[in-house]
């Protein structure tokens, strides 16, 4: 299994696009916050495939009171060459955020 791990980190709002350069599978997303938010804040994972009409929300999760997030499905999500994973998190508390995204060539 060839695993590609993409790290994202920061202290402000997160709005990152990861573009894949080959056909692959999204297998896991991990996120850690240094401080748990005390209000509703959604972490949004969206698959972008060409035109906006094909964008698909993979996950939308409320991080209120949480410092850790692990996203994993029983079956990985297929990404074609050029598809993007968009990760959005408002981070109103300006917590330190660490995100790791795992793509694999095989299921």
N, C-alpha and C. Protein backbone atom coordinates (compact mmCIF):
# COMPACT_ATOMS: atom_id res chain seq x y z
N UNK A 1 0.85 -1.17 0.00
CA UNK A 1 0.00 0.00 0.00
C UNK A 1 0.90 1.24 0.00
N UNK A 2 0.69 2.13 -0.96
CA UNK A 2 1.41 3.40 -1.02
C UNK A 2 0.53 4.45 -0.36
N UNK A 3 0.96 4.97 0.79
CA UNK A 3 0.17 5.91 1.57
C UNK A 3 0.75 7.31 1.45
N UNK A 4 -0.09 8.29 1.10
CA UNK A 4 0.32 9.69 1.06
C UNK A 4 -0.32 10.40 2.24
N UNK A 5 0.48 11.03 3.09
CA UNK A 5 -0.02 11.76 4.25
C UNK A 5 0.23 13.24 4.03
N UNK A 6 -0.83 14.03 4.08
CA UNK A 6 -0.73 15.48 3.88
C UNK A 6 -1.05 16.17 5.19
N UNK A 7 -0.08 16.89 5.78
CA UNK A 7 -0.35 17.63 7.01
C UNK A 7 -0.83 19.06 6.73
N UNK A 8 -1.71 19.55 7.58
CA UNK A 8 -2.17 20.94 7.54
C UNK A 8 -2.12 21.43 8.98
N UNK A 9 -1.60 22.64 9.19
CA UNK A 9 -1.56 23.17 10.55
C UNK A 9 -1.74 24.67 10.53
N UNK A 10 -2.18 25.21 11.66
CA UNK A 10 -2.36 26.65 11.76
C UNK A 10 -3.06 27.04 13.03
N UNK A 11 -3.27 28.34 13.20
CA UNK A 11 -3.97 28.85 14.38
C UNK A 11 -5.18 29.69 14.00
N UNK A 12 -5.39 29.93 12.74
CA UNK A 12 -6.55 30.70 12.29
C UNK A 12 -7.55 29.79 11.61
N UNK A 13 -8.45 30.39 10.87
CA UNK A 13 -9.44 29.63 10.11
C UNK A 13 -8.73 28.75 9.09
N UNK A 14 -9.25 27.54 8.90
CA UNK A 14 -8.70 26.60 7.93
C UNK A 14 -9.62 26.55 6.72
N UNK A 15 -9.06 26.71 5.55
CA UNK A 15 -9.77 26.54 4.27
C UNK A 15 -8.73 26.05 3.28
N UNK A 16 -8.52 24.74 3.25
CA UNK A 16 -7.44 24.14 2.46
C UNK A 16 -7.97 23.19 1.41
N UNK A 17 -7.37 23.27 0.23
CA UNK A 17 -7.66 22.33 -0.85
C UNK A 17 -6.45 21.43 -1.04
N UNK A 18 -6.68 20.13 -1.06
CA UNK A 18 -5.63 19.17 -1.39
C UNK A 18 -6.01 18.56 -2.73
N UNK A 19 -5.17 18.76 -3.74
CA UNK A 19 -5.43 18.23 -5.08
C UNK A 19 -4.63 16.95 -5.25
N UNK A 20 -5.31 15.87 -5.65
CA UNK A 20 -4.60 14.61 -5.86
C UNK A 20 -4.07 14.57 -7.30
N UNK A 21 -2.89 13.98 -7.46
CA UNK A 21 -2.25 13.94 -8.77
C UNK A 21 -2.31 12.55 -9.41
N UNK A 22 -3.15 11.70 -8.85
CA UNK A 22 -3.34 10.34 -9.39
C UNK A 22 -4.66 9.81 -8.86
N UNK A 23 -5.17 8.76 -9.46
CA UNK A 23 -6.36 8.10 -8.93
C UNK A 23 -5.97 7.46 -7.59
N UNK A 24 -6.80 7.67 -6.57
CA UNK A 24 -6.47 7.13 -5.25
C UNK A 24 -7.73 7.10 -4.38
N UNK A 25 -7.55 6.74 -3.12
CA UNK A 25 -8.64 6.64 -2.17
C UNK A 25 -8.35 7.50 -0.95
N UNK A 26 -9.36 8.23 -0.49
CA UNK A 26 -9.27 8.93 0.79
C UNK A 26 -9.61 7.91 1.86
N UNK A 27 -8.66 7.63 2.76
CA UNK A 27 -8.90 6.59 3.76
C UNK A 27 -9.14 7.13 5.16
N UNK A 28 -8.58 8.32 5.47
CA UNK A 28 -8.73 8.80 6.84
C UNK A 28 -8.37 10.28 6.94
N UNK A 29 -9.06 11.00 7.84
CA UNK A 29 -8.72 12.38 8.19
C UNK A 29 -8.69 12.46 9.71
N UNK A 30 -7.61 13.02 10.25
CA UNK A 30 -7.46 13.21 11.69
C UNK A 30 -7.30 14.69 11.97
N UNK A 31 -7.90 15.19 13.05
CA UNK A 31 -7.71 16.58 13.44
C UNK A 31 -7.60 16.66 14.95
N UNK A 32 -6.66 17.50 15.41
CA UNK A 32 -6.52 17.77 16.84
C UNK A 32 -6.52 19.27 17.06
N UNK A 33 -7.26 19.72 18.07
CA UNK A 33 -7.31 21.13 18.46
C UNK A 33 -6.65 21.26 19.83
N UNK A 34 -5.87 22.34 20.02
CA UNK A 34 -5.23 22.56 21.32
C UNK A 34 -6.24 22.94 22.40
N UNK A 35 -7.38 23.50 21.98
CA UNK A 35 -8.43 23.92 22.91
C UNK A 35 -9.78 23.51 22.31
N UNK A 36 -10.64 22.92 23.12
CA UNK A 36 -11.98 22.56 22.63
C UNK A 36 -12.83 23.81 22.44
N UNK A 37 -13.49 23.96 21.30
CA UNK A 37 -14.37 25.11 21.11
C UNK A 37 -15.58 25.03 22.05
N UNK A 38 -16.07 26.19 22.49
CA UNK A 38 -17.21 26.21 23.40
C UNK A 38 -18.50 26.60 22.69
N UNK A 39 -18.45 26.70 21.38
CA UNK A 39 -19.64 27.01 20.59
C UNK A 39 -19.64 26.12 19.35
N UNK A 40 -20.78 26.04 18.71
CA UNK A 40 -20.91 25.22 17.52
C UNK A 40 -19.97 25.71 16.43
N UNK A 41 -19.12 24.81 15.95
CA UNK A 41 -18.23 25.09 14.82
C UNK A 41 -18.16 23.82 13.98
N UNK A 42 -18.53 23.93 12.74
CA UNK A 42 -18.57 22.77 11.87
C UNK A 42 -17.25 22.57 11.15
N UNK A 43 -16.77 21.33 11.17
CA UNK A 43 -15.66 20.91 10.33
C UNK A 43 -16.29 20.32 9.08
N UNK A 44 -15.94 20.83 7.92
CA UNK A 44 -16.59 20.43 6.67
C UNK A 44 -15.55 19.82 5.74
N UNK A 45 -15.81 18.60 5.27
CA UNK A 45 -14.97 17.94 4.28
C UNK A 45 -15.78 17.82 3.00
N UNK A 46 -15.27 18.36 1.90
CA UNK A 46 -15.98 18.35 0.63
C UNK A 46 -15.07 17.82 -0.47
N UNK A 47 -15.61 16.92 -1.30
CA UNK A 47 -14.89 16.43 -2.46
C UNK A 47 -15.28 17.30 -3.65
N UNK A 48 -14.28 17.90 -4.31
CA UNK A 48 -14.52 18.73 -5.49
C UNK A 48 -14.05 17.97 -6.72
N UNK A 49 -14.96 17.80 -7.68
CA UNK A 49 -14.65 17.05 -8.90
C UNK A 49 -15.03 17.87 -10.12
N UNK A 50 -14.18 18.78 -10.53
CA UNK A 50 -14.48 19.59 -11.71
C UNK A 50 -15.42 20.72 -11.36
N UNK A 51 -16.54 20.81 -12.06
CA UNK A 51 -17.52 21.88 -11.86
C UNK A 51 -18.19 21.77 -10.49
N UNK A 52 -18.59 22.91 -9.94
CA UNK A 52 -19.21 22.96 -8.60
C UNK A 52 -20.44 22.07 -8.49
N UNK A 53 -21.11 21.82 -9.59
CA UNK A 53 -22.31 20.97 -9.56
C UNK A 53 -21.99 19.55 -9.08
N UNK A 54 -20.72 19.14 -9.19
CA UNK A 54 -20.32 17.79 -8.78
C UNK A 54 -19.70 17.75 -7.38
N UNK A 55 -19.58 18.90 -6.70
CA UNK A 55 -19.02 18.92 -5.35
C UNK A 55 -19.91 18.11 -4.40
N UNK A 56 -19.30 17.31 -3.56
CA UNK A 56 -20.02 16.44 -2.65
C UNK A 56 -19.51 16.61 -1.23
N UNK A 57 -20.42 16.90 -0.29
CA UNK A 57 -20.03 16.98 1.12
C UNK A 57 -19.82 15.56 1.63
N UNK A 58 -18.62 15.29 2.10
CA UNK A 58 -18.29 13.97 2.64
C UNK A 58 -18.66 13.90 4.11
N UNK A 59 -18.40 14.99 4.83
CA UNK A 59 -18.65 14.99 6.27
C UNK A 59 -18.84 16.42 6.75
N UNK A 60 -19.78 16.60 7.67
CA UNK A 60 -19.97 17.89 8.35
C UNK A 60 -20.19 17.56 9.82
N UNK A 61 -19.24 17.96 10.65
CA UNK A 61 -19.27 17.56 12.06
C UNK A 61 -19.10 18.76 12.97
N UNK A 62 -19.90 18.81 14.03
CA UNK A 62 -19.82 19.87 15.03
C UNK A 62 -18.70 19.55 16.01
N UNK A 63 -17.73 20.44 16.14
CA UNK A 63 -16.58 20.22 17.01
C UNK A 63 -16.78 20.82 18.40
N UNK A 64 -17.98 21.31 18.73
CA UNK A 64 -18.25 21.92 20.03
C UNK A 64 -17.85 20.97 21.16
N UNK A 65 -16.90 21.41 22.02
CA UNK A 65 -16.47 20.60 23.16
C UNK A 65 -15.50 19.49 22.82
N UNK A 66 -15.10 19.37 21.56
CA UNK A 66 -14.21 18.29 21.13
C UNK A 66 -12.82 18.83 20.81
N UNK A 67 -11.79 18.04 21.10
CA UNK A 67 -10.44 18.40 20.69
C UNK A 67 -9.89 17.45 19.64
N UNK A 68 -10.54 16.31 19.46
CA UNK A 68 -10.05 15.33 18.48
C UNK A 68 -11.16 14.88 17.56
N UNK A 69 -10.78 14.65 16.30
CA UNK A 69 -11.72 14.21 15.27
C UNK A 69 -11.01 13.14 14.44
N UNK A 70 -11.68 12.01 14.24
CA UNK A 70 -11.17 10.95 13.37
C UNK A 70 -12.28 10.60 12.40
N UNK A 71 -12.02 10.76 11.10
CA UNK A 71 -13.01 10.43 10.08
C UNK A 71 -12.48 9.24 9.30
N UNK A 72 -13.29 8.18 9.26
CA UNK A 72 -12.93 6.98 8.52
C UNK A 72 -14.21 6.22 8.21
N UNK A 73 -14.38 5.87 6.94
CA UNK A 73 -15.53 5.06 6.53
C UNK A 73 -15.11 3.61 6.36
N UNK A 74 -16.08 2.68 6.39
CA UNK A 74 -15.74 1.29 6.13
C UNK A 74 -15.12 1.11 4.74
N UNK A 75 -15.56 1.92 3.78
CA UNK A 75 -15.01 1.89 2.42
C UNK A 75 -14.43 3.26 2.10
N UNK A 76 -13.20 3.32 1.59
CA UNK A 76 -12.58 4.60 1.25
C UNK A 76 -13.34 5.32 0.14
N UNK A 77 -13.14 6.63 0.05
CA UNK A 77 -13.78 7.46 -0.98
C UNK A 77 -12.84 7.55 -2.17
N UNK A 78 -13.36 7.28 -3.37
CA UNK A 78 -12.56 7.30 -4.59
C UNK A 78 -12.31 8.74 -5.03
N UNK A 79 -11.05 9.06 -5.32
CA UNK A 79 -10.65 10.35 -5.88
C UNK A 79 -9.95 10.09 -7.21
N UNK A 80 -10.33 10.83 -8.24
CA UNK A 80 -9.68 10.74 -9.55
C UNK A 80 -8.59 11.79 -9.63
N UNK A 81 -7.65 11.58 -10.52
CA UNK A 81 -6.58 12.54 -10.76
C UNK A 81 -7.18 13.93 -10.97
N UNK A 82 -6.74 14.92 -10.19
CA UNK A 82 -7.25 16.29 -10.31
C UNK A 82 -8.36 16.64 -9.34
N UNK A 83 -9.00 15.64 -8.71
CA UNK A 83 -10.02 15.92 -7.70
C UNK A 83 -9.37 16.61 -6.50
N UNK A 84 -10.19 17.34 -5.74
CA UNK A 84 -9.69 18.04 -4.56
C UNK A 84 -10.50 17.66 -3.33
N UNK A 85 -9.81 17.63 -2.19
CA UNK A 85 -10.48 17.55 -0.90
C UNK A 85 -10.38 18.94 -0.29
N UNK A 86 -11.52 19.54 0.02
CA UNK A 86 -11.55 20.86 0.65
C UNK A 86 -11.89 20.66 2.12
N UNK A 87 -11.06 21.23 3.00
CA UNK A 87 -11.26 21.14 4.44
C UNK A 87 -11.48 22.55 4.97
N UNK A 88 -12.63 22.77 5.62
CA UNK A 88 -12.96 24.09 6.15
C UNK A 88 -13.29 23.95 7.64
N UNK A 89 -12.65 24.81 8.45
CA UNK A 89 -12.94 24.88 9.88
C UNK A 89 -12.76 26.33 10.31
N UNK A 90 -13.80 26.98 10.89
CA UNK A 90 -13.73 28.41 11.20
C UNK A 90 -12.75 28.78 12.31
N UNK A 91 -12.55 27.90 13.29
CA UNK A 91 -11.58 28.10 14.36
C UNK A 91 -11.70 29.46 15.04
N UNK A 92 -12.89 29.79 15.49
CA UNK A 92 -13.15 31.09 16.13
C UNK A 92 -12.30 31.30 17.39
N UNK A 93 -11.91 30.22 18.07
CA UNK A 93 -11.12 30.34 19.29
C UNK A 93 -9.62 30.47 19.00
N UNK A 94 -9.25 30.43 17.72
CA UNK A 94 -7.83 30.50 17.30
C UNK A 94 -6.97 29.43 17.98
N UNK A 95 -7.55 28.24 18.15
CA UNK A 95 -6.79 27.12 18.70
C UNK A 95 -5.72 26.70 17.69
N UNK A 96 -4.67 26.06 18.18
CA UNK A 96 -3.70 25.46 17.27
C UNK A 96 -4.35 24.21 16.70
N UNK A 97 -4.34 24.09 15.36
CA UNK A 97 -5.00 22.99 14.66
C UNK A 97 -3.94 22.16 13.95
N UNK A 98 -4.04 20.85 14.11
CA UNK A 98 -3.20 19.92 13.36
C UNK A 98 -4.10 18.92 12.65
N UNK A 99 -3.95 18.82 11.34
CA UNK A 99 -4.77 17.91 10.54
C UNK A 99 -3.85 17.03 9.72
N UNK A 100 -4.17 15.74 9.63
CA UNK A 100 -3.48 14.83 8.73
C UNK A 100 -4.52 14.16 7.84
N UNK A 101 -4.23 14.14 6.54
CA UNK A 101 -5.12 13.54 5.56
C UNK A 101 -4.38 12.37 4.92
N UNK A 102 -5.02 11.21 4.87
CA UNK A 102 -4.40 10.00 4.36
C UNK A 102 -5.07 9.56 3.06
N UNK A 103 -4.28 9.48 1.98
CA UNK A 103 -4.73 8.93 0.70
C UNK A 103 -3.92 7.66 0.44
N UNK A 104 -4.54 6.69 -0.23
CA UNK A 104 -3.87 5.44 -0.54
C UNK A 104 -4.12 5.05 -1.99
N UNK A 105 -3.15 4.34 -2.59
CA UNK A 105 -3.32 3.82 -3.95
C UNK A 105 -4.26 2.63 -3.98
N UNK A 106 -4.40 1.95 -2.85
CA UNK A 106 -5.26 0.77 -2.77
C UNK A 106 -6.26 0.93 -1.65
N UNK A 107 -7.33 0.14 -1.70
CA UNK A 107 -8.34 0.17 -0.65
C UNK A 107 -7.74 -0.40 0.61
